[in-house]
Amino acid sequence: MDIQSALYSGMQGFARASAGVTDATLEINRQSQQNRQNETEQAVAQAAAPQQASVAPREPASLTDSLVQLGQEERNAQANVRSIQTADEVLGTVIDIRV
């Protein structure tokens, strides 16, 4: 097993997972803001024309996909951290053996 390769792969994987967490978090924030804006627009429309038939509510953006992605990226990051820790332990053992 090439320790440097394992360590490098773990670092790359962790960086990708970190970027994925950031992307998912930004998407959740964007969707939450959009949902709030839709709710505000509906409230204003209902207040402006209370005697008219109620405005059909807009379907709120689904946060499910972004939340699932966030969970997946979190587990991906944890797995890559474990990979880095294992490579570090193996490197420590090799150094102890050679000394």
N, C-alpha and C. Protein backbone atom coordinates (compact mmCIF):
# COMPACT_ATOMS: atom_id res chain seq x y z
N MET A 1 0.85 -1.18 0.00
CA MET A 1 0.00 0.00 0.00
C MET A 1 0.89 1.24 0.00
N ASP A 2 0.63 2.12 -0.92
CA ASP A 2 1.38 3.36 -1.00
C ASP A 2 0.75 4.37 -0.04
N ILE A 3 1.46 4.69 1.04
CA ILE A 3 0.91 5.54 2.09
C ILE A 3 0.65 6.95 1.58
N GLN A 4 1.58 7.47 0.77
CA GLN A 4 1.38 8.82 0.24
C GLN A 4 0.14 8.88 -0.63
N SER A 5 -0.08 7.84 -1.43
CA SER A 5 -1.25 7.79 -2.29
C SER A 5 -2.53 7.76 -1.46
N ALA A 6 -2.56 6.97 -0.40
CA ALA A 6 -3.73 6.89 0.47
C ALA A 6 -3.99 8.22 1.16
N LEU A 7 -2.93 8.85 1.62
CA LEU A 7 -3.06 10.14 2.29
C LEU A 7 -3.56 11.19 1.31
N TYR A 8 -2.99 11.21 0.11
CA TYR A 8 -3.38 12.17 -0.91
C TYR A 8 -4.84 11.96 -1.33
N SER A 9 -5.24 10.72 -1.51
CA SER A 9 -6.62 10.41 -1.89
C SER A 9 -7.59 10.86 -0.79
N GLY A 10 -7.22 10.63 0.45
CA GLY A 10 -8.05 11.08 1.56
C GLY A 10 -8.19 12.59 1.60
N MET A 11 -7.10 13.28 1.36
CA MET A 11 -7.14 14.75 1.36
C MET A 11 -8.01 15.28 0.21
N GLN A 12 -7.86 14.67 -0.98
CA GLN A 12 -8.67 15.09 -2.11
C GLN A 12 -10.15 14.81 -1.85
N GLY A 13 -10.44 13.65 -1.33
CA GLY A 13 -11.82 13.29 -1.02
C GLY A 13 -12.43 14.22 0.01
N PHE A 14 -11.65 14.57 1.02
CA PHE A 14 -12.15 15.48 2.04
C PHE A 14 -12.42 16.86 1.44
N ALA A 15 -11.54 17.32 0.56
CA ALA A 15 -11.75 18.62 -0.09
C ALA A 15 -13.03 18.60 -0.94
N ARG A 16 -13.27 17.51 -1.67
CA ARG A 16 -14.49 17.39 -2.47
C ARG A 16 -15.72 17.37 -1.56
N ALA A 17 -15.64 16.63 -0.47
CA ALA A 17 -16.77 16.56 0.46
C ALA A 17 -17.04 17.93 1.09
N SER A 18 -15.99 18.64 1.42
CA SER A 18 -16.14 19.97 2.00
C SER A 18 -16.82 20.91 1.00
N ALA A 19 -16.41 20.84 -0.26
CA ALA A 19 -17.04 21.66 -1.30
C ALA A 19 -18.51 21.25 -1.48
N GLY A 20 -18.79 19.96 -1.39
CA GLY A 20 -20.17 19.48 -1.51
C GLY A 20 -21.04 19.96 -0.37
N VAL A 21 -20.49 19.99 0.84
CA VAL A 21 -21.24 20.50 2.00
C VAL A 21 -21.55 21.98 1.79
N THR A 22 -20.58 22.72 1.30
CA THR A 22 -20.78 24.14 1.04
C THR A 22 -21.88 24.35 -0.01
N ASP A 23 -21.82 23.58 -1.09
CA ASP A 23 -22.82 23.70 -2.15
C ASP A 23 -24.22 23.37 -1.63
N ALA A 24 -24.33 22.28 -0.87
CA ALA A 24 -25.64 21.88 -0.34
C ALA A 24 -26.17 22.93 0.63
N THR A 25 -25.31 23.49 1.45
CA THR A 25 -25.71 24.51 2.40
C THR A 25 -26.20 25.77 1.69
N LEU A 26 -25.48 26.17 0.65
CA LEU A 26 -25.90 27.34 -0.12
C LEU A 26 -27.25 27.10 -0.80
N GLU A 27 -27.46 25.89 -1.32
CA GLU A 27 -28.72 25.56 -1.97
C GLU A 27 -29.87 25.55 -0.97
N ILE A 28 -29.64 25.02 0.22
CA ILE A 28 -30.66 25.04 1.27
C ILE A 28 -31.02 26.48 1.63
N ASN A 29 -30.02 27.32 1.75
CA ASN A 29 -30.25 28.72 2.07
C ASN A 29 -31.04 29.41 0.96
N ARG A 30 -30.67 29.15 -0.29
CA ARG A 30 -31.36 29.75 -1.43
C ARG A 30 -32.83 29.32 -1.46
N GLN A 31 -33.06 28.05 -1.26
CA GLN A 31 -34.43 27.54 -1.28
C GLN A 31 -35.25 28.10 -0.11
N SER A 32 -34.64 28.23 1.04
CA SER A 32 -35.35 28.79 2.20
C SER A 32 -35.74 30.24 1.94
N GLN A 33 -34.84 31.01 1.36
CA GLN A 33 -35.15 32.40 1.04
C GLN A 33 -36.26 32.48 0.00
N GLN A 34 -36.21 31.60 -0.99
CA GLN A 34 -37.23 31.59 -2.03
C GLN A 34 -38.59 31.23 -1.43
N ASN A 35 -38.62 30.27 -0.52
CA ASN A 35 -39.87 29.89 0.14
C ASN A 35 -40.45 31.05 0.95
N ARG A 36 -39.57 31.77 1.67
CA ARG A 36 -40.03 32.92 2.44
C ARG A 36 -40.59 34.01 1.53
N GLN A 37 -39.91 34.23 0.41
CA GLN A 37 -40.38 35.24 -0.54
C GLN A 37 -41.75 34.85 -1.11
N ASN A 38 -41.91 33.59 -1.45
CA ASN A 38 -43.20 33.11 -1.97
C ASN A 38 -44.31 33.29 -0.94
N GLU A 39 -44.03 32.99 0.32
CA GLU A 39 -45.02 33.15 1.38
C GLU A 39 -45.39 34.62 1.55
N THR A 40 -44.41 35.50 1.46
CA THR A 40 -44.67 36.94 1.58
C THR A 40 -45.53 37.44 0.43
N GLU A 41 -45.20 36.99 -0.78
CA GLU A 41 -45.98 37.40 -1.95
C GLU A 41 -47.42 36.92 -1.85
N GLN A 42 -47.62 35.71 -1.35
CA GLN A 42 -48.97 35.18 -1.19
C GLN A 42 -49.75 35.99 -0.15
N ALA A 43 -49.09 36.34 0.95
CA ALA A 43 -49.75 37.11 2.00
C ALA A 43 -50.13 38.49 1.48
N VAL A 44 -49.26 39.12 0.70
CA VAL A 44 -49.56 40.44 0.14
C VAL A 44 -50.72 40.35 -0.85
N ALA A 45 -50.70 39.32 -1.68
CA ALA A 45 -51.78 39.15 -2.66
C ALA A 45 -53.11 38.91 -1.97
N GLN A 46 -53.13 38.14 -0.91
CA GLN A 46 -54.36 37.88 -0.18
C GLN A 46 -54.85 39.12 0.55
N ALA A 47 -53.92 39.92 1.07
CA ALA A 47 -54.30 41.14 1.76
C ALA A 47 -54.84 42.18 0.78
N ALA A 48 -54.29 42.22 -0.44
CA ALA A 48 -54.71 43.20 -1.44
C ALA A 48 -56.08 42.87 -2.01
N ALA A 49 -56.42 41.63 -2.08
CA ALA A 49 -57.70 41.23 -2.68
C ALA A 49 -58.37 40.16 -1.82
N PRO A 50 -58.81 40.51 -0.61
CA PRO A 50 -59.37 39.49 0.27
C PRO A 50 -60.70 38.92 -0.23
N GLN A 51 -61.47 39.70 -1.02
CA GLN A 51 -62.76 39.22 -1.47
C GLN A 51 -62.64 38.32 -2.70
N GLN A 52 -61.52 38.35 -3.39
CA GLN A 52 -61.34 37.49 -4.55
C GLN A 52 -61.02 36.07 -4.08
N ALA A 53 -61.17 35.14 -5.01
CA ALA A 53 -60.81 33.76 -4.70
C ALA A 53 -59.35 33.73 -4.29
N SER A 54 -59.04 32.87 -3.37
CA SER A 54 -57.67 32.82 -2.89
C SER A 54 -56.72 32.46 -4.02
N VAL A 55 -55.56 33.07 -3.96
CA VAL A 55 -54.54 32.82 -4.96
C VAL A 55 -54.00 31.42 -4.77
N ALA A 56 -53.87 30.70 -5.84
CA ALA A 56 -53.32 29.34 -5.74
C ALA A 56 -51.92 29.41 -5.18
N PRO A 57 -51.65 28.70 -4.09
CA PRO A 57 -50.31 28.78 -3.49
C PRO A 57 -49.26 28.17 -4.42
N ARG A 58 -48.13 28.81 -4.45
CA ARG A 58 -47.01 28.28 -5.22
C ARG A 58 -46.42 27.11 -4.46
N GLU A 59 -45.99 26.15 -5.20
CA GLU A 59 -45.40 24.98 -4.57
C GLU A 59 -44.02 25.36 -4.03
N PRO A 60 -43.80 25.17 -2.72
CA PRO A 60 -42.49 25.54 -2.16
C PRO A 60 -41.39 24.63 -2.70
N ALA A 61 -40.24 25.20 -2.82
CA ALA A 61 -39.10 24.43 -3.32
C ALA A 61 -38.78 23.32 -2.32
N SER A 62 -38.50 22.17 -2.82
CA SER A 62 -38.21 21.02 -1.96
C SER A 62 -36.79 21.11 -1.43
N LEU A 63 -36.68 20.98 -0.15
CA LEU A 63 -35.36 20.99 0.48
C LEU A 63 -34.80 19.58 0.63
N THR A 64 -35.62 18.60 0.32
CA THR A 64 -35.23 17.21 0.56
C THR A 64 -33.94 16.83 -0.13
N ASP A 65 -33.83 17.14 -1.43
CA ASP A 65 -32.63 16.76 -2.18
C ASP A 65 -31.37 17.41 -1.59
N SER A 66 -31.48 18.67 -1.24
CA SER A 66 -30.32 19.37 -0.68
C SER A 66 -29.94 18.81 0.69
N LEU A 67 -30.94 18.47 1.49
CA LEU A 67 -30.66 17.89 2.81
C LEU A 67 -30.04 16.50 2.68
N VAL A 68 -30.51 15.73 1.72
CA VAL A 68 -29.92 14.41 1.48
C VAL A 68 -28.48 14.56 1.02
N GLN A 69 -28.24 15.51 0.11
CA GLN A 69 -26.87 15.74 -0.37
C GLN A 69 -25.97 16.17 0.79
N LEU A 70 -26.49 17.01 1.67
CA LEU A 70 -25.71 17.46 2.83
C LEU A 70 -25.31 16.27 3.70
N GLY A 71 -26.26 15.36 3.95
CA GLY A 71 -25.97 14.17 4.75
C GLY A 71 -24.95 13.27 4.07
N GLN A 72 -25.08 13.10 2.76
CA GLN A 72 -24.13 12.26 2.02
C GLN A 72 -22.73 12.85 2.07
N GLU A 73 -22.64 14.14 1.88
CA GLU A 73 -21.32 14.79 1.90
C GLU A 73 -20.70 14.72 3.30
N GLU A 74 -21.53 14.80 4.32
CA GLU A 74 -21.02 14.69 5.70
C GLU A 74 -20.41 13.30 5.92
N ARG A 75 -21.12 12.27 5.48
CA ARG A 75 -20.59 10.90 5.62
C ARG A 75 -19.36 10.69 4.75
N ASN A 76 -19.35 11.31 3.59
CA ASN A 76 -18.18 11.23 2.71
C ASN A 76 -16.97 11.86 3.39
N ALA A 77 -17.17 13.01 4.00
CA ALA A 77 -16.08 13.68 4.71
C ALA A 77 -15.57 12.82 5.86
N GLN A 78 -16.49 12.21 6.62
CA GLN A 78 -16.09 11.35 7.73
C GLN A 78 -15.27 10.16 7.25
N ALA A 79 -15.69 9.57 6.13
CA ALA A 79 -14.95 8.43 5.58
C ALA A 79 -13.55 8.84 5.14
N ASN A 80 -13.43 10.01 4.53
CA ASN A 80 -12.12 10.48 4.09
C ASN A 80 -11.22 10.85 5.26
N VAL A 81 -11.80 11.39 6.32
CA VAL A 81 -11.02 11.68 7.52
C VAL A 81 -10.48 10.37 8.10
N ARG A 82 -11.31 9.35 8.11
CA ARG A 82 -10.86 8.04 8.62
C ARG A 82 -9.74 7.49 7.75
N SER A 83 -9.83 7.70 6.45
CA SER A 83 -8.77 7.27 5.53
C SER A 83 -7.46 8.00 5.85
N ILE A 84 -7.54 9.28 6.10
CA ILE A 84 -6.35 10.06 6.44
C ILE A 84 -5.76 9.58 7.76
N GLN A 85 -6.63 9.33 8.75
CA GLN A 85 -6.15 8.84 10.05
C GLN A 85 -5.46 7.49 9.91
N THR A 86 -6.02 6.61 9.10
CA THR A 86 -5.42 5.29 8.90
C THR A 86 -4.05 5.41 8.23
N ALA A 87 -3.95 6.24 7.20
CA ALA A 87 -2.66 6.44 6.53
C ALA A 87 -1.64 7.02 7.51
N ASP A 88 -2.08 7.92 8.37
CA ASP A 88 -1.20 8.52 9.37
C ASP A 88 -0.71 7.45 10.36
N GLU A 89 -1.63 6.58 10.80
CA GLU A 89 -1.24 5.52 11.73
C GLU A 89 -0.26 4.55 11.09
N VAL A 90 -0.51 4.20 9.82
CA VAL A 90 0.39 3.28 9.12
C VAL A 90 1.76 3.92 8.96
N LEU A 91 1.80 5.19 8.61
CA LEU A 91 3.08 5.90 8.46
C LEU A 91 3.82 5.94 9.80
N GLY A 92 3.10 6.18 10.88
CA GLY A 92 3.71 6.18 12.21
C GLY A 92 4.28 4.83 12.57
N THR A 93 3.56 3.76 12.20
CA THR A 93 4.05 2.41 12.47
C THR A 93 5.29 2.12 11.67
N VAL A 94 5.30 2.53 10.40
CA VAL A 94 6.49 2.30 9.56
C VAL A 94 7.69 3.05 10.11
N ILE A 95 7.48 4.26 10.55
CA ILE A 95 8.59 5.05 11.12
C ILE A 95 9.10 4.38 12.40
N ASP A 96 8.19 3.90 13.24
CA ASP A 96 8.60 3.22 14.48
C ASP A 96 9.39 1.95 14.18
N ILE A 97 9.01 1.21 13.15
CA ILE A 97 9.69 -0.01 12.80
C ILE A 97 11.11 0.27 12.31
N ARG A 98 11.27 1.34 11.55
CA ARG A 98 12.59 1.68 10.97
C ARG A 98 13.52 2.30 11.99
N VAL A 99 13.03 2.86 13.05
CA VAL A 99 13.87 3.53 14.04
C VAL A 99 14.39 2.56 15.01
